[in-house]
């Protein structure tokens, strides 16, 4: 499933014009992998991550990445 997450993240980032390094894509896919594991036990999201969709990846990962450009570095880390 991690490969599918990575492919969806890369595709969505490209469509949105986001430049994500391979390391960032790897970390985001890892996050989604853990989220999918726990989401099977308790509904943490409104999305079925067992069958990830472009909409789920956009809402959970890509939209926050787009919004992060509006946060000053000092605000990100305290």
C-alpha atoms as a PDB file:
ATOM      1  CA  UNK A   1       0.000   0.000   0.000  1.00  0.00           C
ATOM      2  CA  UNK A   2       2.912   2.338   0.676  1.00  0.00           C
ATOM      3  CA  UNK A   3       3.848   2.342  -3.020  1.00  0.00           C
ATOM      4  CA  UNK A   4       0.281   3.337  -3.861  1.00  0.00           C
ATOM      5  CA  UNK A   5       0.434   6.169  -1.325  1.00  0.00           C
ATOM      6  CA  UNK A   6       3.724   7.387  -2.817  1.00  0.00           C
ATOM      7  CA  UNK A   7       2.323   7.318  -6.351  1.00  0.00           C
ATOM      8  CA  UNK A   8      -0.809   9.231  -5.330  1.00  0.00           C
ATOM      9  CA  UNK A   9       1.245  11.815  -3.424  1.00  0.00           C
ATOM     10  CA  UNK A  10       3.619  12.344  -6.363  1.00  0.00           C
ATOM     11  CA  UNK A  11       0.768  12.609  -8.871  1.00  0.00           C
ATOM     12  CA  UNK A  12      -1.216  15.016  -6.700  1.00  0.00           C
ATOM     13  CA  UNK A  13       1.831  17.163  -5.957  1.00  0.00           C
ATOM     14  CA  UNK A  14       2.634  17.411  -9.652  1.00  0.00           C
ATOM     15  CA  UNK A  15      -0.925  18.489 -10.493  1.00  0.00           C
ATOM     16  CA  UNK A  16      -0.788  21.164  -7.769  1.00  0.00           C
ATOM     17  CA  UNK A  17       2.692  22.365  -8.697  1.00  0.00           C
ATOM     18  CA  UNK A  18       4.149  21.292  -5.350  1.00  0.00           C
ATOM     19  CA  UNK A  19       7.820  20.396  -5.256  1.00  0.00           C
ATOM     20  CA  UNK A  20       8.220  17.540  -2.773  1.00  0.00           C
ATOM     21  CA  UNK A  21      11.559  15.805  -2.305  1.00  0.00           C
ATOM     22  CA  UNK A  22      11.790  12.019  -2.328  1.00  0.00           C
ATOM     23  CA  UNK A  23      12.411  12.116   1.430  1.00  0.00           C
ATOM     24  CA  UNK A  24       9.244  14.129   2.046  1.00  0.00           C
ATOM     25  CA  UNK A  25       7.181  11.808  -0.155  1.00  0.00           C
ATOM     26  CA  UNK A  26       8.618   8.841   1.759  1.00  0.00           C
ATOM     27  CA  UNK A  27       7.739  10.383   5.138  1.00  0.00           C
ATOM     28  CA  UNK A  28       4.228  11.310   4.027  1.00  0.00           C
ATOM     29  CA  UNK A  29       3.653   7.793   2.683  1.00  0.00           C
ATOM     30  CA  UNK A  30       4.879   6.396   6.005  1.00  0.00           C
ATOM     31  CA  UNK A  31       2.468   8.672   7.858  1.00  0.00           C
ATOM     32  CA  UNK A  32      -0.401   7.488   5.661  1.00  0.00           C
ATOM     33  CA  UNK A  33       0.637   3.866   6.184  1.00  0.00           C
ATOM     34  CA  UNK A  34       0.396   4.277   9.968  1.00  0.00           C
ATOM     35  CA  UNK A  35      -2.831   6.248   9.646  1.00  0.00           C
ATOM     36  CA  UNK A  36      -4.350   3.499   7.475  1.00  0.00           C
ATOM     37  CA  UNK A  37      -3.362   0.877  10.050  1.00  0.00           C
ATOM     38  CA  UNK A  38      -5.109   2.687  12.903  1.00  0.00           C
ATOM     39  CA  UNK A  39      -7.972   3.877  10.731  1.00  0.00           C
ATOM     40  CA  UNK A  40      -9.017   0.214  10.332  1.00  0.00           C
ATOM     41  CA  UNK A  41      -9.449  -0.034  14.106  1.00  0.00           C
ATOM     42  CA  UNK A  42     -11.087   3.319  14.761  1.00  0.00           C
ATOM     43  CA  UNK A  43     -12.367   5.751  12.167  1.00  0.00           C
ATOM     44  CA  UNK A  44      -9.805   8.544  12.419  1.00  0.00           C
ATOM     45  CA  UNK A  45     -10.684  10.028   9.061  1.00  0.00           C
ATOM     46  CA  UNK A  46     -13.784  10.036   6.903  1.00  0.00           C
ATOM     47  CA  UNK A  47     -11.807   8.169   4.236  1.00  0.00           C
ATOM     48  CA  UNK A  48     -11.312   4.485   3.511  1.00  0.00           C
ATOM     49  CA  UNK A  49      -7.527   4.326   3.398  1.00  0.00           C
ATOM     50  CA  UNK A  50      -7.584   0.604   2.630  1.00  0.00           C
ATOM     51  CA  UNK A  51      -8.502   1.778  -0.874  1.00  0.00           C
ATOM     52  CA  UNK A  52      -6.892   5.228  -0.994  1.00  0.00           C
ATOM     53  CA  UNK A  53      -8.347   7.760  -3.365  1.00  0.00           C
ATOM     54  CA  UNK A  54      -6.938  10.937  -4.831  1.00  0.00           C
ATOM     55  CA  UNK A  55      -9.500  12.859  -2.758  1.00  0.00           C
ATOM     56  CA  UNK A  56      -8.263  11.287   0.482  1.00  0.00           C
ATOM     57  CA  UNK A  57      -4.619  12.017  -0.313  1.00  0.00           C
ATOM     58  CA  UNK A  58      -5.486  15.581  -1.299  1.00  0.00           C
ATOM     59  CA  UNK A  59      -7.408  16.267   1.902  1.00  0.00           C
ATOM     60  CA  UNK A  60      -5.029  14.542   4.303  1.00  0.00           C
ATOM     61  CA  UNK A  61      -1.633  15.450   2.830  1.00  0.00           C
ATOM     62  CA  UNK A  62      -1.608  17.772  -0.161  1.00  0.00           C
ATOM     63  CA  UNK A  63      -3.949  20.517   1.078  1.00  0.00           C
ATOM     64  CA  UNK A  64      -1.945  20.912   4.317  1.00  0.00           C
ATOM     65  CA  UNK A  65       1.270  20.996   2.256  1.00  0.00           C
ATOM     66  CA  UNK A  66      -0.182  23.780   0.118  1.00  0.00           C
ATOM     67  CA  UNK A  67      -1.255  25.717   3.211  1.00  0.00           C
ATOM     68  CA  UNK A  68       2.163  25.363   4.850  1.00  0.00           C
ATOM     69  CA  UNK A  69       3.615  28.076   2.602  1.00  0.00           C
ATOM     70  CA  UNK A  70       1.518  30.606   4.525  1.00  0.00           C
ATOM     71  CA  UNK A  71       3.060  29.689   7.890  1.00  0.00           C
ATOM     72  CA  UNK A  72       6.191  31.576   8.820  1.00  0.00           C
ATOM     73  CA  UNK A  73       9.120  29.343   9.858  1.00  0.00           C
ATOM     74  CA  UNK A  74       9.104  30.769  13.383  1.00  0.00           C
ATOM     75  CA  UNK A  75       5.418  29.814  13.722  1.00  0.00           C
ATOM     76  CA  UNK A  76       6.108  26.247  12.611  1.00  0.00           C
ATOM     77  CA  UNK A  77       8.510  25.398  15.399  1.00  0.00           C
ATOM     78  CA  UNK A  78       7.523  27.640  18.259  1.00  0.00           C
END
